[in-house]
C-alpha cells in the first residue's frame, strides 16, 4: 500500500491542529470541563494520528505525484500548475472552516475534512492525469517515435556549425545567433492554462530569446544546445523536468 505525501500531510495537519485547538479552548476556559463533542473530535483526530503513524512505519509514502505511467482513465484539461493552485486554495479554505467550526460542532469539522480528503485523493489518484507538456525525456530516449519533431521548424542551422537562424512564424525578421555568443541558458515551467511548457531563456550578446518547447523544431534545437554548449548541464535539466518546479534554473553559463 502506498499513500501520497499530500494525503499523509492532510491527515497529519488535521489531527494535530484539532488537538491544539481543543487544548487552546480548554486553557481559555480556565480548565472548565470540555463539551461532549470535543471528545468526539479528539477521538477522530486520534484515529488520524494512529493512521499516520501506521503508514509512516509500515508503508511507503510517495511524493512522485506526476510521474504516473499508468493509462489515464481521467485526463483533466488543466495544467499541473493550475491544478496545484486550485487544490491548495480550496484545501486551505476547507481547512480554515474545519478549524473554526470546532468551537461550534464536530459535524462541520467532519464534513470539511471529508471534502478535503476527497478533493486531494481525486487529484492525486494514479489514474487521474493533468494535461501537461510533452515528455522530453521520452523523446530523447525514444527518438524513433517522434521523427516529425526532428525537422528544423523555425530554426535554420549554419553550414559551418557555428550557429543558427531563428525565424518564428509571427516574425518576418530572422535572428542569427552564434553558439559562441550565448552567455547563459535558463529553463522555466510556464503555465499556459491548458498545459505547462518548458521555456528556455537564451541570453546572447545583444538579445534574449525565449523558446517554448511547443516551438516547431524545438527538440532538434534542444539537442543542438547540448552538442554545442560545452558546459550545458544535462543532468540538472533532467532533474528539473522530473519535479514540480516553478522557479527558473540556470542550465548553462559561459565561463
C-alpha atoms as a PDB file:
ATOM      1  CA  UNK A   1       0.000   0.000   0.000  1.00  0.00           C
ATOM      2  CA  UNK A   2       1.222   3.478  -0.838  1.00  0.00           C
ATOM      3  CA  UNK A   3      -0.147   6.815   0.242  1.00  0.00           C
ATOM      4  CA  UNK A   4       0.821  10.063  -1.410  1.00  0.00           C
ATOM      5  CA  UNK A   5       2.683  12.550   0.728  1.00  0.00           C
ATOM      6  CA  UNK A   6      -0.060  15.135   0.179  1.00  0.00           C
ATOM      7  CA  UNK A   7      -2.759  12.897   1.682  1.00  0.00           C
ATOM      8  CA  UNK A   8      -0.440  11.928   4.536  1.00  0.00           C
ATOM      9  CA  UNK A   9       0.220  15.609   5.296  1.00  0.00           C
ATOM     10  CA  UNK A  10      -3.515  16.341   5.178  1.00  0.00           C
ATOM     11  CA  UNK A  11      -4.255  13.694   7.826  1.00  0.00           C
ATOM     12  CA  UNK A  12      -1.381  14.875   9.989  1.00  0.00           C
ATOM     13  CA  UNK A  13      -2.290  18.580   9.797  1.00  0.00           C
ATOM     14  CA  UNK A  14      -5.973  17.984  10.600  1.00  0.00           C
ATOM     15  CA  UNK A  15      -5.216  15.742  13.574  1.00  0.00           C
ATOM     16  CA  UNK A  16      -2.512  17.918  15.154  1.00  0.00           C
ATOM     17  CA  UNK A  17      -4.417  21.177  14.535  1.00  0.00           C
ATOM     18  CA  UNK A  18      -7.568  19.732  16.102  1.00  0.00           C
ATOM     19  CA  UNK A  19      -5.707  18.666  19.236  1.00  0.00           C
ATOM     20  CA  UNK A  20      -4.054  22.090  19.503  1.00  0.00           C
ATOM     21  CA  UNK A  21      -7.349  23.969  19.001  1.00  0.00           C
ATOM     22  CA  UNK A  22      -9.211  21.919  21.625  1.00  0.00           C
ATOM     23  CA  UNK A  23      -6.293  22.390  24.029  1.00  0.00           C
ATOM     24  CA  UNK A  24      -6.478  26.114  23.409  1.00  0.00           C
ATOM     25  CA  UNK A  25     -10.218  26.181  24.245  1.00  0.00           C
ATOM     26  CA  UNK A  26      -9.570  24.124  27.368  1.00  0.00           C
ATOM     27  CA  UNK A  27      -6.967  26.558  28.697  1.00  0.00           C
ATOM     28  CA  UNK A  28      -9.013  29.561  27.541  1.00  0.00           C
ATOM     29  CA  UNK A  29     -11.941  28.363  29.627  1.00  0.00           C
ATOM     30  CA  UNK A  30      -9.746  28.188  32.711  1.00  0.00           C
ATOM     31  CA  UNK A  31      -9.780  24.402  32.734  1.00  0.00           C
ATOM     32  CA  UNK A  32     -13.536  24.130  32.561  1.00  0.00           C
ATOM     33  CA  UNK A  33     -14.897  20.686  31.568  1.00  0.00           C
ATOM     34  CA  UNK A  34     -14.975  20.260  27.806  1.00  0.00           C
ATOM     35  CA  UNK A  35     -18.178  19.824  25.831  1.00  0.00           C
ATOM     36  CA  UNK A  36     -19.061  16.281  24.825  1.00  0.00           C
ATOM     37  CA  UNK A  37     -18.477  16.893  21.111  1.00  0.00           C
ATOM     38  CA  UNK A  38     -14.889  17.899  21.859  1.00  0.00           C
ATOM     39  CA  UNK A  39     -14.214  14.309  22.887  1.00  0.00           C
ATOM     40  CA  UNK A  40     -15.695  13.128  19.590  1.00  0.00           C
ATOM     41  CA  UNK A  41     -13.239  15.383  17.770  1.00  0.00           C
ATOM     42  CA  UNK A  42     -10.359  14.201  19.944  1.00  0.00           C
ATOM     43  CA  UNK A  43     -11.292  10.609  19.163  1.00  0.00           C
ATOM     44  CA  UNK A  44     -11.417  11.204  15.380  1.00  0.00           C
ATOM     45  CA  UNK A  45      -8.175  13.175  15.347  1.00  0.00           C
ATOM     46  CA  UNK A  46      -6.520  10.450  17.431  1.00  0.00           C
ATOM     47  CA  UNK A  47      -7.559   7.877  14.836  1.00  0.00           C
ATOM     48  CA  UNK A  48      -5.999  10.049  12.125  1.00  0.00           C
ATOM     49  CA  UNK A  49      -2.748  10.227  14.110  1.00  0.00           C
ATOM     50  CA  UNK A  50      -2.710   6.443  14.508  1.00  0.00           C
ATOM     51  CA  UNK A  51      -3.239   6.043  10.755  1.00  0.00           C
ATOM     52  CA  UNK A  52      -0.337   8.424  10.067  1.00  0.00           C
ATOM     53  CA  UNK A  53       1.960   6.543  12.443  1.00  0.00           C
ATOM     54  CA  UNK A  54       0.956   3.200  10.920  1.00  0.00           C
ATOM     55  CA  UNK A  55       1.565   4.430   7.358  1.00  0.00           C
ATOM     56  CA  UNK A  56       4.871   6.035   8.321  1.00  0.00           C
ATOM     57  CA  UNK A  57       6.154   2.857   9.989  1.00  0.00           C
ATOM     58  CA  UNK A  58       4.699   0.074   7.842  1.00  0.00           C
ATOM     59  CA  UNK A  59       4.195   1.520   4.384  1.00  0.00           C
ATOM     60  CA  UNK A  60       5.715   3.841   1.820  1.00  0.00           C
ATOM     61  CA  UNK A  61       4.909   7.462   1.215  1.00  0.00           C
ATOM     62  CA  UNK A  62       5.413   8.663  -2.332  1.00  0.00           C
ATOM     63  CA  UNK A  63       5.717  12.277  -3.465  1.00  0.00           C
ATOM     64  CA  UNK A  64       6.164  11.424  -7.160  1.00  0.00           C
ATOM     65  CA  UNK A  65       2.689  12.703  -7.867  1.00  0.00           C
ATOM     66  CA  UNK A  66       3.006  13.444 -11.557  1.00  0.00           C
ATOM     67  CA  UNK A  67       5.389  10.734 -12.784  1.00  0.00           C
ATOM     68  CA  UNK A  68       2.478   8.398 -13.426  1.00  0.00           C
ATOM     69  CA  UNK A  69       2.947   5.770 -16.107  1.00  0.00           C
ATOM     70  CA  UNK A  70      -0.434   4.004 -15.887  1.00  0.00           C
ATOM     71  CA  UNK A  71      -3.088   4.587 -18.571  1.00  0.00           C
ATOM     72  CA  UNK A  72      -5.085   7.672 -17.665  1.00  0.00           C
ATOM     73  CA  UNK A  73      -8.755   6.866 -17.052  1.00  0.00           C
ATOM     74  CA  UNK A  74      -9.495  10.536 -16.399  1.00  0.00           C
ATOM     75  CA  UNK A  75      -7.453  13.276 -18.053  1.00  0.00           C
ATOM     76  CA  UNK A  76      -8.140  16.786 -16.837  1.00  0.00           C
ATOM     77  CA  UNK A  77      -7.864  19.628 -19.397  1.00  0.00           C
ATOM     78  CA  UNK A  78      -5.774  21.616 -16.911  1.00  0.00           C
ATOM     79  CA  UNK A  79      -2.079  22.072 -16.377  1.00  0.00           C
ATOM     80  CA  UNK A  80      -0.277  20.709 -13.329  1.00  0.00           C
ATOM     81  CA  UNK A  81       0.497  24.209 -12.083  1.00  0.00           C
ATOM     82  CA  UNK A  82      -3.167  25.282 -12.268  1.00  0.00           C
ATOM     83  CA  UNK A  83      -4.308  22.093 -10.521  1.00  0.00           C
ATOM     84  CA  UNK A  84      -1.868  22.714  -7.681  1.00  0.00           C
ATOM     85  CA  UNK A  85      -3.176  26.271  -7.296  1.00  0.00           C
ATOM     86  CA  UNK A  86      -6.812  25.116  -7.212  1.00  0.00           C
ATOM     87  CA  UNK A  87      -6.030  22.279  -4.832  1.00  0.00           C
ATOM     88  CA  UNK A  88      -4.106  24.424  -2.366  1.00  0.00           C
ATOM     89  CA  UNK A  89      -6.568  27.336  -2.382  1.00  0.00           C
ATOM     90  CA  UNK A  90      -9.730  25.249  -1.907  1.00  0.00           C
ATOM     91  CA  UNK A  91      -7.981  22.903   0.536  1.00  0.00           C
ATOM     92  CA  UNK A  92      -6.836  25.842   2.656  1.00  0.00           C
ATOM     93  CA  UNK A  93     -10.362  27.335   2.749  1.00  0.00           C
ATOM     94  CA  UNK A  94     -11.855  23.994   3.831  1.00  0.00           C
ATOM     95  CA  UNK A  95      -9.141  23.624   6.492  1.00  0.00           C
ATOM     96  CA  UNK A  96      -9.956  27.056   7.951  1.00  0.00           C
ATOM     97  CA  UNK A  97     -13.680  26.224   8.048  1.00  0.00           C
ATOM     98  CA  UNK A  98     -12.895  22.939   9.797  1.00  0.00           C
ATOM     99  CA  UNK A  99     -10.690  24.543  12.468  1.00  0.00           C
ATOM    100  CA  UNK A 100     -13.089  27.390  13.256  1.00  0.00           C
ATOM    101  CA  UNK A 101     -16.086  25.021  13.317  1.00  0.00           C
ATOM    102  CA  UNK A 102     -14.502  23.183  16.273  1.00  0.00           C
ATOM    103  CA  UNK A 103     -15.955  25.858  18.548  1.00  0.00           C
ATOM    104  CA  UNK A 104     -19.472  25.027  17.281  1.00  0.00           C
ATOM    105  CA  UNK A 105     -19.854  21.371  16.364  1.00  0.00           C
ATOM    106  CA  UNK A 106     -17.913  18.323  15.213  1.00  0.00           C
ATOM    107  CA  UNK A 107     -20.226  17.786  12.217  1.00  0.00           C
ATOM    108  CA  UNK A 108     -18.869  20.738  10.225  1.00  0.00           C
ATOM    109  CA  UNK A 109     -15.319  19.624  11.038  1.00  0.00           C
ATOM    110  CA  UNK A 110     -16.053  16.147   9.697  1.00  0.00           C
ATOM    111  CA  UNK A 111     -17.719  17.493   6.529  1.00  0.00           C
ATOM    112  CA  UNK A 112     -14.780  19.806   5.754  1.00  0.00           C
ATOM    113  CA  UNK A 113     -12.274  17.051   6.424  1.00  0.00           C
ATOM    114  CA  UNK A 114     -14.083  14.564   4.164  1.00  0.00           C
ATOM    115  CA  UNK A 115     -14.376  17.112   1.358  1.00  0.00           C
ATOM    116  CA  UNK A 116     -10.668  17.942   1.655  1.00  0.00           C
ATOM    117  CA  UNK A 117      -9.718  14.264   1.610  1.00  0.00           C
ATOM    118  CA  UNK A 118     -11.907  13.515  -1.426  1.00  0.00           C
ATOM    119  CA  UNK A 119     -10.585  16.622  -3.219  1.00  0.00           C
ATOM    120  CA  UNK A 120      -6.917  15.725  -2.670  1.00  0.00           C
ATOM    121  CA  UNK A 121      -7.374  11.990  -3.271  1.00  0.00           C
ATOM    122  CA  UNK A 122      -9.061  12.663  -6.616  1.00  0.00           C
ATOM    123  CA  UNK A 123      -6.280  14.868  -7.986  1.00  0.00           C
ATOM    124  CA  UNK A 124      -3.547  12.536  -6.748  1.00  0.00           C
ATOM    125  CA  UNK A 125      -5.140   9.280  -7.854  1.00  0.00           C
ATOM    126  CA  UNK A 126      -2.750   7.362 -10.163  1.00  0.00           C
ATOM    127  CA  UNK A 127      -5.365   7.229 -12.938  1.00  0.00           C
ATOM    128  CA  UNK A 128      -6.129  10.963 -12.902  1.00  0.00           C
ATOM    129  CA  UNK A 129      -3.730  12.926 -15.062  1.00  0.00           C
ATOM    130  CA  UNK A 130      -3.312  16.572 -15.839  1.00  0.00           C
ATOM    131  CA  UNK A 131      -2.980  17.611 -19.435  1.00  0.00           C
ATOM    132  CA  UNK A 132       0.616  18.734 -19.439  1.00  0.00           C
ATOM    133  CA  UNK A 133       3.592  19.429 -21.650  1.00  0.00           C
ATOM    134  CA  UNK A 134       5.364  16.956 -23.902  1.00  0.00           C
ATOM    135  CA  UNK A 135       7.599  14.382 -22.274  1.00  0.00           C
ATOM    136  CA  UNK A 136      11.038  15.493 -23.433  1.00  0.00           C
ATOM    137  CA  UNK A 137      12.771  12.655 -21.589  1.00  0.00           C
ATOM    138  CA  UNK A 138      10.727  10.124 -23.532  1.00  0.00           C
ATOM    139  CA  UNK A 139      11.516  11.961 -26.774  1.00  0.00           C
ATOM    140  CA  UNK A 140      15.243  11.793 -26.073  1.00  0.00           C
ATOM    141  CA  UNK A 141      15.071   8.103 -25.092  1.00  0.00           C
ATOM    142  CA  UNK A 142      12.823   7.042 -27.998  1.00  0.00           C
ATOM    143  CA  UNK A 143      13.526   9.375 -30.926  1.00  0.00           C
ATOM    144  CA  UNK A 144      12.025   6.943 -33.419  1.00  0.00           C
ATOM    145  CA  UNK A 145       8.542   7.765 -32.093  1.00  0.00           C
ATOM    146  CA  UNK A 146       8.970  11.480 -32.757  1.00  0.00           C
ATOM    147  CA  UNK A 147      10.594  11.701 -36.185  1.00  0.00           C
ATOM    148  CA  UNK A 148       8.414  14.628 -37.191  1.00  0.00           C
ATOM    149  CA  UNK A 149       9.845  16.678 -34.336  1.00  0.00           C
ATOM    150  CA  UNK A 150      13.387  16.401 -35.741  1.00  0.00           C
ATOM    151  CA  UNK A 151      12.528  18.794 -38.516  1.00  0.00           C
ATOM    152  CA  UNK A 152      14.205  22.170 -38.328  1.00  0.00           C
ATOM    153  CA  UNK A 153      10.928  24.010 -37.867  1.00  0.00           C
ATOM    154  CA  UNK A 154      11.605  27.682 -37.059  1.00  0.00           C
ATOM    155  CA  UNK A 155      15.359  27.076 -36.968  1.00  0.00           C
ATOM    156  CA  UNK A 156      17.963  27.024 -39.699  1.00  0.00           C
ATOM    157  CA  UNK A 157      21.449  25.806 -38.816  1.00  0.00           C
ATOM    158  CA  UNK A 158      24.536  27.341 -40.377  1.00  0.00           C
ATOM    159  CA  UNK A 159      26.549  25.040 -42.627  1.00  0.00           C
ATOM    160  CA  UNK A 160      29.751  25.732 -40.716  1.00  0.00           C
ATOM    161  CA  UNK A 161      28.027  24.628 -37.482  1.00  0.00           C
ATOM    162  CA  UNK A 162      28.814  27.936 -35.768  1.00  0.00           C
ATOM    163  CA  UNK A 163      25.255  28.981 -35.017  1.00  0.00           C
ATOM    164  CA  UNK A 164      21.617  29.086 -36.076  1.00  0.00           C
ATOM    165  CA  UNK A 165      18.978  31.370 -37.557  1.00  0.00           C
ATOM    166  CA  UNK A 166      15.670  31.651 -35.707  1.00  0.00           C
ATOM    167  CA  UNK A 167      12.569  32.902 -37.515  1.00  0.00           C
ATOM    168  CA  UNK A 168       9.203  32.222 -35.841  1.00  0.00           C
ATOM    169  CA  UNK A 169       6.066  32.286 -37.935  1.00  0.00           C
ATOM    170  CA  UNK A 170       4.822  35.552 -36.421  1.00  0.00           C
ATOM    171  CA  UNK A 171       8.017  37.458 -37.244  1.00  0.00           C
ATOM    172  CA  UNK A 172       9.364  38.478 -40.627  1.00  0.00           C
ATOM    173  CA  UNK A 173      12.847  39.279 -39.341  1.00  0.00           C
ATOM    174  CA  UNK A 174      15.219  36.353 -38.892  1.00  0.00           C
ATOM    175  CA  UNK A 175      17.535  36.312 -35.887  1.00  0.00           C
ATOM    176  CA  UNK A 176      21.047  34.971 -36.330  1.00  0.00           C
ATOM    177  CA  UNK A 177      22.987  33.818 -33.282  1.00  0.00           C
ATOM    178  CA  UNK A 178      26.313  32.078 -32.952  1.00  0.00           C
ATOM    179  CA  UNK A 179      26.770  29.398 -30.332  1.00  0.00           C
ATOM    180  CA  UNK A 180      29.836  31.232 -29.069  1.00  0.00           C
ATOM    181  CA  UNK A 181      27.726  34.371 -28.427  1.00  0.00           C
ATOM    182  CA  UNK A 182      25.416  32.624 -25.962  1.00  0.00           C
ATOM    183  CA  UNK A 183      26.215  33.656 -22.387  1.00  0.00           C
ATOM    184  CA  UNK A 184      23.610  31.688 -20.440  1.00  0.00           C
ATOM    185  CA  UNK A 185      20.528  29.481 -20.757  1.00  0.00           C
ATOM    186  CA  UNK A 186      17.743  29.355 -18.147  1.00  0.00           C
ATOM    187  CA  UNK A 187      14.793  26.973 -18.071  1.00  0.00           C
ATOM    188  CA  UNK A 188      11.383  27.521 -16.515  1.00  0.00           C
ATOM    189  CA  UNK A 189       7.965  25.873 -16.459  1.00  0.00           C
ATOM    190  CA  UNK A 190       5.356  28.213 -17.921  1.00  0.00           C
ATOM    191  CA  UNK A 191       1.657  27.746 -17.200  1.00  0.00           C
ATOM    192  CA  UNK A 192      -0.271  28.053 -20.469  1.00  0.00           C
ATOM    193  CA  UNK A 193      -3.560  27.276 -18.600  1.00  0.00           C
ATOM    194  CA  UNK A 194      -4.363  24.400 -20.953  1.00  0.00           C
ATOM    195  CA  UNK A 195      -0.932  22.826 -20.369  1.00  0.00           C
ATOM    196  CA  UNK A 196       2.517  23.501 -18.936  1.00  0.00           C
ATOM    197  CA  UNK A 197       5.566  24.014 -21.117  1.00  0.00           C
ATOM    198  CA  UNK A 198       9.286  24.393 -20.597  1.00  0.00           C
ATOM    199  CA  UNK A 199      10.556  27.778 -21.751  1.00  0.00           C
ATOM    200  CA  UNK A 200      14.221  28.415 -22.466  1.00  0.00           C
ATOM    201  CA  UNK A 201      15.643  31.897 -21.874  1.00  0.00           C
ATOM    202  CA  UNK A 202      18.740  32.249 -24.047  1.00  0.00           C
ATOM    203  CA  UNK A 203      20.933  35.261 -23.290  1.00  0.00           C
ATOM    204  CA  UNK A 204      23.135  36.166 -26.255  1.00  0.00           C
ATOM    205  CA  UNK A 205      25.399  39.147 -26.936  1.00  0.00           C
ATOM    206  CA  UNK A 206      22.677  41.636 -27.827  1.00  0.00           C
ATOM    207  CA  UNK A 207      19.352  39.922 -27.252  1.00  0.00           C
ATOM    208  CA  UNK A 208      17.331  37.437 -25.205  1.00  0.00           C
ATOM    209  CA  UNK A 209      15.450  34.619 -26.933  1.00  0.00           C
ATOM    210  CA  UNK A 210      12.501  32.863 -25.363  1.00  0.00           C
ATOM    211  CA  UNK A 211      11.940  29.436 -26.891  1.00  0.00           C
ATOM    212  CA  UNK A 212       8.909  27.336 -25.886  1.00  0.00           C
ATOM    213  CA  UNK A 213       9.005  23.563 -26.236  1.00  0.00           C
ATOM    214  CA  UNK A 214       5.936  23.773 -28.486  1.00  0.00           C
ATOM    215  CA  UNK A 215       8.006  25.782 -30.997  1.00  0.00           C
ATOM    216  CA  UNK A 216       8.431  23.936 -34.287  1.00  0.00           C
ATOM    217  CA  UNK A 217      11.831  22.262 -34.301  1.00  0.00           C
ATOM    218  CA  UNK A 218      12.310  22.597 -30.524  1.00  0.00           C
ATOM    219  CA  UNK A 219      13.599  19.071 -29.964  1.00  0.00           C
ATOM    220  CA  UNK A 220      16.349  19.327 -32.564  1.00  0.00           C
ATOM    221  CA  UNK A 221      17.251  22.793 -31.283  1.00  0.00           C
ATOM    222  CA  UNK A 222      17.482  21.474 -27.720  1.00  0.00           C
ATOM    223  CA  UNK A 223      19.850  18.747 -28.850  1.00  0.00           C
ATOM    224  CA  UNK A 224      21.923  21.312 -30.730  1.00  0.00           C
ATOM    225  CA  UNK A 225      22.260  23.284 -27.479  1.00  0.00           C
ATOM    226  CA  UNK A 226      23.524  20.165 -25.747  1.00  0.00           C
ATOM    227  CA  UNK A 227      26.011  19.457 -28.529  1.00  0.00           C
ATOM    228  CA  UNK A 228      27.449  22.952 -28.993  1.00  0.00           C
ATOM    229  CA  UNK A 229      27.395  24.412 -25.473  1.00  0.00           C
ATOM    230  CA  UNK A 230      30.254  22.668 -23.729  1.00  0.00           C
ATOM    231  CA  UNK A 231      29.067  23.130 -20.127  1.00  0.00           C
ATOM    232  CA  UNK A 232      25.342  22.612 -20.741  1.00  0.00           C
ATOM    233  CA  UNK A 233      24.082  20.871 -17.572  1.00  0.00           C
ATOM    234  CA  UNK A 234      22.033  17.938 -18.915  1.00  0.00           C
ATOM    235  CA  UNK A 235      21.688  16.278 -15.510  1.00  0.00           C
ATOM    236  CA  UNK A 236      20.371  19.415 -13.845  1.00  0.00           C
ATOM    237  CA  UNK A 237      17.847  19.853 -16.644  1.00  0.00           C
ATOM    238  CA  UNK A 238      16.559  16.284 -16.273  1.00  0.00           C
ATOM    239  CA  UNK A 239      16.222  16.649 -12.504  1.00  0.00           C
ATOM    240  CA  UNK A 240      14.316  19.888 -13.021  1.00  0.00           C
ATOM    241  CA  UNK A 241      11.963  18.257 -15.534  1.00  0.00           C
ATOM    242  CA  UNK A 242      11.189  15.402 -13.133  1.00  0.00           C
ATOM    243  CA  UNK A 243       9.880  17.636 -10.328  1.00  0.00           C
ATOM    244  CA  UNK A 244       7.116  20.135  -9.722  1.00  0.00           C
ATOM    245  CA  UNK A 245       9.302  23.214 -10.013  1.00  0.00           C
ATOM    246  CA  UNK A 246       8.153  26.696 -10.934  1.00  0.00           C
ATOM    247  CA  UNK A 247      11.218  28.887 -10.388  1.00  0.00           C
ATOM    248  CA  UNK A 248      13.692  29.234 -13.289  1.00  0.00           C
ATOM    249  CA  UNK A 249      17.040  27.450 -13.119  1.00  0.00           C
ATOM    250  CA  UNK A 250      20.293  28.089 -14.954  1.00  0.00           C
ATOM    251  CA  UNK A 251      21.454  25.134 -17.056  1.00  0.00           C
ATOM    252  CA  UNK A 252      24.323  26.855 -18.885  1.00  0.00           C
ATOM    253  CA  UNK A 253      26.613  29.743 -18.106  1.00  0.00           C
ATOM    254  CA  UNK A 254      29.538  30.763 -20.243  1.00  0.00           C
ATOM    255  CA  UNK A 255      32.795  30.658 -18.346  1.00  0.00           C
END
